[in-house]
C-alpha atoms as a PDB file:
ATOM      1  CA  MET A   1     148.884  38.759  61.017  1.00  0.00           C
ATOM      2  CA  ILE A   2     151.797  41.159  61.179  1.00  0.00           C
ATOM      3  CA  GLU A   3     155.007  39.615  62.447  1.00  0.00           C
ATOM      4  CA  ILE A   4     157.839  41.941  61.389  1.00  0.00           C
ATOM      5  CA  PRO A   5     158.307  45.715  61.083  1.00  0.00           C
ATOM      6  CA  GLU A   6     158.311  45.577  57.282  1.00  0.00           C
ATOM      7  CA  GLN A   7     154.852  43.989  57.289  1.00  0.00           C
ATOM      8  CA  PHE A   8     153.672  46.706  59.651  1.00  0.00           C
ATOM      9  CA  GLU A   9     154.973  49.408  57.302  1.00  0.00           C
ATOM     10  CA  ARG A  10     153.253  47.801  54.293  1.00  0.00           C
ATOM     11  CA  THR A  11     150.029  47.561  56.274  1.00  0.00           C
ATOM     12  CA  GLU A  12     150.222  51.227  57.240  1.00  0.00           C
ATOM     13  CA  GLU A  13     150.804  52.185  53.589  1.00  0.00           C
ATOM     14  CA  ALA A  14     147.783  50.124  52.514  1.00  0.00           C
ATOM     15  CA  ILE A  15     145.637  51.762  55.207  1.00  0.00           C
ATOM     16  CA  THR A  16     146.662  55.207  53.973  1.00  0.00           C
ATOM     17  CA  GLN A  17     145.875  54.290  50.352  1.00  0.00           C
ATOM     18  CA  MET A  18     142.446  52.939  51.272  1.00  0.00           C
ATOM     19  CA  LYS A  19     141.631  56.094  53.225  1.00  0.00           C
ATOM     20  CA  ARG A  20     142.697  58.308  50.313  1.00  0.00           C
ATOM     21  CA  PHE A  21     140.594  56.252  47.916  1.00  0.00           C
ATOM     22  CA  LEU A  22     137.547  56.518  50.159  1.00  0.00           C
ATOM     23  CA  LEU A  23     137.971  60.266  50.571  1.00  0.00           C
ATOM     24  CA  ALA A  24     138.105  60.691  46.791  1.00  0.00           C
ATOM     25  CA  ALA A  25     135.114  58.374  46.313  1.00  0.00           C
ATOM     26  CA  ARG A  26     133.049  60.433  48.777  1.00  0.00           C
ATOM     27  CA  ARG A  27     133.505  63.445  46.499  1.00  0.00           C
ATOM     28  CA  THR A  28     132.703  61.688  43.229  1.00  0.00           C
ATOM     29  CA  HIS A  29     129.986  59.123  44.008  1.00  0.00           C
ATOM     30  CA  THR A  30     126.363  59.465  44.941  1.00  0.00           C
ATOM     31  CA  PRO A  31     125.535  58.518  48.532  1.00  0.00           C
ATOM     32  CA  ALA A  32     124.032  55.190  47.437  1.00  0.00           C
ATOM     33  CA  ALA A  33     126.964  54.351  45.171  1.00  0.00           C
ATOM     34  CA  TYR A  34     129.443  55.321  47.861  1.00  0.00           C
ATOM     35  CA  ALA A  35     127.683  53.136  50.429  1.00  0.00           C
ATOM     36  CA  ALA A  36     127.881  50.125  48.116  1.00  0.00           C
ATOM     37  CA  LEU A  37     131.476  50.828  47.122  1.00  0.00           C
ATOM     38  CA  SER A  38     132.794  51.620  50.580  1.00  0.00           C
ATOM     39  CA  ALA A  39     131.315  48.770  52.622  1.00  0.00           C
ATOM     40  CA  PRO A  40     133.859  46.062  51.698  1.00  0.00           C
ATOM     41  CA  ILE A  41     136.738  48.538  51.752  1.00  0.00           C
ATOM     42  CA  LEU A  42     135.774  49.754  55.211  1.00  0.00           C
ATOM     43  CA  ARG A  43     135.674  46.155  56.470  1.00  0.00           C
ATOM     44  CA  GLU A  44     139.154  45.550  55.037  1.00  0.00           C
ATOM     45  CA  LEU A  45     140.364  48.815  56.533  1.00  0.00           C
ATOM     46  CA  GLN A  46     139.077  47.829  59.975  1.00  0.00           C
ATOM     47  CA  GLU A  47     140.758  44.436  59.727  1.00  0.00           C
ATOM     48  CA  ARG A  48     144.111  45.939  58.758  1.00  0.00           C
ATOM     49  CA  GLN A  49     143.883  48.533  61.512  1.00  0.00           C
ATOM     50  CA  ARG A  50     143.088  45.783  63.998  1.00  0.00           C
ATOM     51  CA  ASP A  51     146.146  43.824  62.790  1.00  0.00           C
ATOM     52  CA  ALA A  52     148.360  46.905  63.135  1.00  0.00           C
ATOM     53  CA  LEU A  53     147.143  47.561  66.670  1.00  0.00           C
ATOM     54  CA  ALA A  54     147.635  43.921  67.609  1.00  0.00           C
ATOM     55  CA  TYR A  55     151.225  44.099  66.346  1.00  0.00           C
ATOM     56  CA  LEU A  56     151.888  47.277  68.324  1.00  0.00           C
ATOM     57  CA  SER A  57     150.360  45.714  71.434  1.00  0.00           C
ATOM     58  CA  GLN A  58     152.765  42.790  71.426  1.00  0.00           C
ATOM     59  CA  LEU A  59     155.979  43.028  73.365  1.00  0.00           C
ATOM     60  CA  PRO A  60     159.100  42.455  71.268  1.00  0.00           C
ATOM     61  CA  GLU A  61     160.709  39.058  71.673  1.00  0.00           C
ATOM     62  CA  ALA A  62     164.084  38.826  73.410  1.00  0.00           C
ATOM     63  CA  SER A  63     165.874  37.995  70.137  1.00  0.00           C
ATOM     64  CA  ALA A  64     164.320  40.994  68.406  1.00  0.00           C
ATOM     65  CA  LYS A  65     165.475  43.295  71.218  1.00  0.00           C
ATOM     66  CA  ALA A  66     169.072  42.272  70.616  1.00  0.00           C
ATOM     67  CA  GLU A  67     168.793  43.438  66.991  1.00  0.00           C
ATOM     68  CA  TYR A  68     167.880  47.007  67.984  1.00  0.00           C
END
C-alpha cells in the first residue's frame, strides 16, 4: 500500500523498469519462453499499478494539505 508521495514515485519507477524489461524480453525470447517469463511479472505489474491508482484515488488528508 502506498501512503506517501515517495512511495508512489518508487512504485512508478518500478513499473517503468518492469515494462522495459518485458519489452526487451519480447524481442529476445521465444513465444513460449516469454509467456512463462512474463506471467509473474505481469501479475506484479498489475498489482503495483492497482496500488498506484488507489493512492491517486485517495483524497489527501487535512494535515498533508497544510504541507503543500
